[in-house]
Structure formats: structure tokens, C-alpha cells
C-alpha atoms as a PDB file:
ATOM      1  CA  UNK A   1      90.848  91.984 263.166  1.00  0.00           C
ATOM      2  CA  UNK A   2      92.423  90.408 260.094  1.00  0.00           C
ATOM      3  CA  UNK A   3      91.592  92.895 257.356  1.00  0.00           C
ATOM      4  CA  UNK A   4      91.760  96.666 256.907  1.00  0.00           C
ATOM      5  CA  UNK A   5      91.903  99.465 254.381  1.00  0.00           C
ATOM      6  CA  UNK A   6      94.154 102.506 254.328  1.00  0.00           C
ATOM      7  CA  UNK A   7      93.004 105.778 252.767  1.00  0.00           C
ATOM      8  CA  UNK A   8      93.732 109.493 252.938  1.00  0.00           C
ATOM      9  CA  UNK A   9      92.166 111.062 256.005  1.00  0.00           C
ATOM     10  CA  UNK A  10      89.331 113.457 255.257  1.00  0.00           C
ATOM     11  CA  UNK A  11      89.373 117.059 256.494  1.00  0.00           C
ATOM     12  CA  UNK A  12      86.553 116.173 258.873  1.00  0.00           C
ATOM     13  CA  UNK A  13      88.521 113.247 260.300  1.00  0.00           C
ATOM     14  CA  UNK A  14      91.577 115.429 260.831  1.00  0.00           C
ATOM     15  CA  UNK A  15      89.538 118.232 262.428  1.00  0.00           C
ATOM     16  CA  UNK A  16      87.826 115.774 264.756  1.00  0.00           C
ATOM     17  CA  UNK A  17      91.099 115.182 266.599  1.00  0.00           C
ATOM     18  CA  UNK A  18      90.226 111.541 267.187  1.00  0.00           C
ATOM     19  CA  UNK A  19      93.759 110.211 266.607  1.00  0.00           C
ATOM     20  CA  UNK A  20      95.288 112.730 268.995  1.00  0.00           C
ATOM     21  CA  UNK A  21      92.711 111.957 271.666  1.00  0.00           C
ATOM     22  CA  UNK A  22      93.254 108.233 271.344  1.00  0.00           C
ATOM     23  CA  UNK A  23      97.039 108.587 271.509  1.00  0.00           C
ATOM     24  CA  UNK A  24      96.780 110.957 274.481  1.00  0.00           C
ATOM     25  CA  UNK A  25      94.625 108.440 276.391  1.00  0.00           C
ATOM     26  CA  UNK A  26      97.137 105.708 275.633  1.00  0.00           C
ATOM     27  CA  UNK A  27      99.973 107.936 276.884  1.00  0.00           C
ATOM     28  CA  UNK A  28      98.097 108.733 280.101  1.00  0.00           C
ATOM     29  CA  UNK A  29      98.634 105.125 281.137  1.00  0.00           C
ATOM     30  CA  UNK A  30     102.382 105.769 281.218  1.00  0.00           C
ATOM     31  CA  UNK A  31     102.914 109.409 282.220  1.00  0.00           C
ATOM     32  CA  UNK A  32      99.588 110.451 283.698  1.00  0.00           C
ATOM     33  CA  UNK A  33      97.311 113.164 282.373  1.00  0.00           C
ATOM     34  CA  UNK A  34      98.877 116.227 280.794  1.00  0.00           C
ATOM     35  CA  UNK A  35      97.524 119.317 279.044  1.00  0.00           C
ATOM     36  CA  UNK A  36      96.868 119.366 275.313  1.00  0.00           C
ATOM     37  CA  UNK A  37      99.453 121.090 273.135  1.00  0.00           C
ATOM     38  CA  UNK A  38      99.535 124.834 273.795  1.00  0.00           C
ATOM     39  CA  UNK A  39     100.661 127.160 270.983  1.00  0.00           C
ATOM     40  CA  UNK A  40     103.497 129.644 271.366  1.00  0.00           C
ATOM     41  CA  UNK A  41     103.136 131.977 268.376  1.00  0.00           C
ATOM     42  CA  UNK A  42     104.939 135.329 268.252  1.00  0.00           C
ATOM     43  CA  UNK A  43     105.287 137.981 265.535  1.00  0.00           C
ATOM     44  CA  UNK A  44     107.582 141.000 265.400  1.00  0.00           C
ATOM     45  CA  UNK A  45     106.598 143.933 263.193  1.00  0.00           C
ATOM     46  CA  UNK A  46     108.336 147.153 262.197  1.00  0.00           C
ATOM     47  CA  UNK A  47     106.902 150.674 262.407  1.00  0.00           C
ATOM     48  CA  UNK A  48     105.037 150.153 259.126  1.00  0.00           C
ATOM     49  CA  UNK A  49     103.406 146.953 260.383  1.00  0.00           C
ATOM     50  CA  UNK A  50     105.537 144.632 258.230  1.00  0.00           C
ATOM     51  CA  UNK A  51     106.510 141.285 259.708  1.00  0.00           C
ATOM     52  CA  UNK A  52     110.245 141.280 260.437  1.00  0.00           C
ATOM     53  CA  UNK A  53     110.396 138.131 262.518  1.00  0.00           C
ATOM     54  CA  UNK A  54     108.444 135.503 264.305  1.00  0.00           C
ATOM     55  CA  UNK A  55     108.377 132.173 266.035  1.00  0.00           C
ATOM     56  CA  UNK A  56     105.963 129.265 265.865  1.00  0.00           C
ATOM     57  CA  UNK A  57     106.080 126.523 268.420  1.00  0.00           C
ATOM     58  CA  UNK A  58     104.033 124.720 271.003  1.00  0.00           C
ATOM     59  CA  UNK A  59     104.330 123.218 274.458  1.00  0.00           C
ATOM     60  CA  UNK A  60     103.569 119.513 274.582  1.00  0.00           C
ATOM     61  CA  UNK A  61     104.438 117.080 277.354  1.00  0.00           C
ATOM     62  CA  UNK A  62     106.167 119.949 279.187  1.00  0.00           C
ATOM     63  CA  UNK A  63     108.584 120.680 276.319  1.00  0.00           C
ATOM     64  CA  UNK A  64     108.642 123.722 274.070  1.00  0.00           C
ATOM     65  CA  UNK A  65     108.999 122.549 270.475  1.00  0.00           C
ATOM     66  CA  UNK A  66     110.191 125.385 268.227  1.00  0.00           C
ATOM     67  CA  UNK A  67     109.121 124.626 264.665  1.00  0.00           C
ATOM     68  CA  UNK A  68     109.601 127.914 262.806  1.00  0.00           C
ATOM     69  CA  UNK A  69     111.838 130.816 263.838  1.00  0.00           C
ATOM     70  CA  UNK A  70     112.760 133.560 261.405  1.00  0.00           C
ATOM     71  CA  UNK A  71     114.224 137.056 261.601  1.00  0.00           C
ATOM     72  CA  UNK A  72     114.485 139.331 258.567  1.00  0.00           C
ATOM     73  CA  UNK A  73     118.056 139.690 257.387  1.00  0.00           C
ATOM     74  CA  UNK A  74     117.848 143.495 257.676  1.00  0.00           C
ATOM     75  CA  UNK A  75     117.450 143.297 261.469  1.00  0.00           C
ATOM     76  CA  UNK A  76     119.590 140.271 262.291  1.00  0.00           C
ATOM     77  CA  UNK A  77     122.213 140.868 264.975  1.00  0.00           C
ATOM     78  CA  UNK A  78     120.112 143.727 266.417  1.00  0.00           C
ATOM     79  CA  UNK A  79     118.702 141.650 269.293  1.00  0.00           C
ATOM     80  CA  UNK A  80     115.278 140.818 267.850  1.00  0.00           C
ATOM     81  CA  UNK A  81     115.998 137.086 267.620  1.00  0.00           C
ATOM     82  CA  UNK A  82     117.208 136.992 271.211  1.00  0.00           C
ATOM     83  CA  UNK A  83     114.103 138.837 272.373  1.00  0.00           C
ATOM     84  CA  UNK A  84     111.753 136.551 270.439  1.00  0.00           C
ATOM     85  CA  UNK A  85     113.476 133.458 271.818  1.00  0.00           C
ATOM     86  CA  UNK A  86     113.424 134.798 275.386  1.00  0.00           C
ATOM     87  CA  UNK A  87     109.719 135.629 275.153  1.00  0.00           C
ATOM     88  CA  UNK A  88     108.897 132.214 273.690  1.00  0.00           C
ATOM     89  CA  UNK A  89     110.839 130.459 276.445  1.00  0.00           C
ATOM     90  CA  UNK A  90     109.152 132.570 279.131  1.00  0.00           C
ATOM     91  CA  UNK A  91     105.698 131.785 277.730  1.00  0.00           C
ATOM     92  CA  UNK A  92     106.593 128.111 277.540  1.00  0.00           C
ATOM     93  CA  UNK A  93     107.698 128.098 281.183  1.00  0.00           C
ATOM     94  CA  UNK A  94     104.415 129.789 282.111  1.00  0.00           C
ATOM     95  CA  UNK A  95     102.640 126.929 280.288  1.00  0.00           C
ATOM     96  CA  UNK A  96     104.605 124.373 282.320  1.00  0.00           C
ATOM     97  CA  UNK A  97     107.529 123.594 280.012  1.00  0.00           C
ATOM     98  CA  UNK A  98     110.791 122.562 281.658  1.00  0.00           C
ATOM     99  CA  UNK A  99     112.833 122.304 278.458  1.00  0.00           C
ATOM    100  CA  UNK A 100     112.931 123.378 274.819  1.00  0.00           C
ATOM    101  CA  UNK A 101     113.940 121.560 271.638  1.00  0.00           C
ATOM    102  CA  UNK A 102     114.346 122.397 267.975  1.00  0.00           C
ATOM    103  CA  UNK A 103     115.959 121.390 264.718  1.00  0.00           C
ATOM    104  CA  UNK A 104     118.240 123.648 262.682  1.00  0.00           C
ATOM    105  CA  UNK A 105     120.113 123.133 259.450  1.00  0.00           C
ATOM    106  CA  UNK A 106     123.836 123.773 259.191  1.00  0.00           C
ATOM    107  CA  UNK A 107     123.268 126.975 257.176  1.00  0.00           C
ATOM    108  CA  UNK A 108     120.717 128.348 259.618  1.00  0.00           C
ATOM    109  CA  UNK A 109     121.310 129.420 263.226  1.00  0.00           C
ATOM    110  CA  UNK A 110     123.140 126.718 265.184  1.00  0.00           C
ATOM    111  CA  UNK A 111     125.595 129.258 266.624  1.00  0.00           C
ATOM    112  CA  UNK A 112     122.753 131.527 267.719  1.00  0.00           C
ATOM    113  CA  UNK A 113     121.145 128.694 269.660  1.00  0.00           C
ATOM    114  CA  UNK A 114     124.451 127.649 271.262  1.00  0.00           C
ATOM    115  CA  UNK A 115     124.915 131.287 272.377  1.00  0.00           C
ATOM    116  CA  UNK A 116     121.500 131.030 274.067  1.00  0.00           C
ATOM    117  CA  UNK A 117     122.283 127.843 275.971  1.00  0.00           C
ATOM    118  CA  UNK A 118     121.101 125.153 273.562  1.00  0.00           C
ATOM    119  CA  UNK A 119     123.154 121.988 273.176  1.00  0.00           C
ATOM    120  CA  UNK A 120     123.269 119.703 270.173  1.00  0.00           C
ATOM    121  CA  UNK A 121     122.160 116.196 271.116  1.00  0.00           C
ATOM    122  CA  UNK A 122     121.929 114.641 267.688  1.00  0.00           C
ATOM    123  CA  UNK A 123     122.619 115.236 264.041  1.00  0.00           C
ATOM    124  CA  UNK A 124     121.753 113.840 260.644  1.00  0.00           C
ATOM    125  CA  UNK A 125     124.769 114.358 258.415  1.00  0.00           C
ATOM    126  CA  UNK A 126     124.212 114.964 254.717  1.00  0.00           C
ATOM    127  CA  UNK A 127     120.493 115.544 255.320  1.00  0.00           C
ATOM    128  CA  UNK A 128     119.931 117.937 252.418  1.00  0.00           C
ATOM    129  CA  UNK A 129     122.464 118.613 249.652  1.00  0.00           C
ATOM    130  CA  UNK A 130     125.311 117.611 251.963  1.00  0.00           C
ATOM    131  CA  UNK A 131     124.247 119.838 254.883  1.00  0.00           C
ATOM    132  CA  UNK A 132     123.570 118.439 258.343  1.00  0.00           C
ATOM    133  CA  UNK A 133     120.427 118.841 260.438  1.00  0.00           C
ATOM    134  CA  UNK A 134     121.161 119.439 264.139  1.00  0.00           C
ATOM    135  CA  UNK A 135     118.795 118.526 266.988  1.00  0.00           C
ATOM    136  CA  UNK A 136     119.184 120.893 269.936  1.00  0.00           C
ATOM    137  CA  UNK A 137     117.739 121.233 273.430  1.00  0.00           C
ATOM    138  CA  UNK A 138     117.902 123.432 276.495  1.00  0.00           C
ATOM    139  CA  UNK A 139     116.622 123.220 280.053  1.00  0.00           C
ATOM    140  CA  UNK A 140     114.385 126.208 280.769  1.00  0.00           C
END
């Protein structure tokens, strides 16, 4: 092949999952077959049904990837974050995860994660307006 075109993917192409399938089959040649990504999505609500926290992540290649984790400022330090994280980790272990990873900005919750056993394994200094972005992981 000596010529190609590059264009925005259509919604149909994205929904088809073709790229993911093709990459997964390539990966199988190195690490064997593994399950597709499994979501770990949790919400916490107050007595009135308002969202006061939540976590969005997924298990892929036996790792929990935490993408979004938020707790309302009014209930921080009350244990909700710890409970959400513990439940997410337990669900991930049930789905076969042996470890967890995440990214957190300097102004976010690095100390919270350290308190829960996460270790920083990398950092991008001056990522956004002079703040660093930390990469953290934990064995489950």
C-alpha cells in the first residue's frame, strides 16, 4: 500500500468497534486472550437523590483505570470518597483486576490516594498552569 487518506471517523465507524477489535486481536498474539473492557461506574446520592459523588473507570488488561472520581465538597472528609474507592477496587478485583492506576493533578487528591495505598510512579511537571500531573498505581 503506497497511498492513503485520513478523515474524521464517522459515528457508525466508531460504534462498530472495528479498531478496538483489530487491536485486541493483535494484542492476543502477545498476551493471550483477555476480556473486553468492563465498566466500573458508581454514583453516591444524598437523601434527596442529588449526586454527591461518583467514580468512572473500567477494567482492561486486568487493571482498573480510574478516569473520573469526584466527591462534593460538602461531604469531603466524611468517608464517602474512601467508600467509593473501596467499592470500585472490590468490583475491579471481582472483574479480574490485580492493580489500579489513575492520574491526578497537584490541586486534586494526591494525598488521598497515598493514604489509600497508591504510589506515584511518574509525573509531568508544569502540565497545566504550572501544576504537575501525577501518575499513580496500587496493587489490589
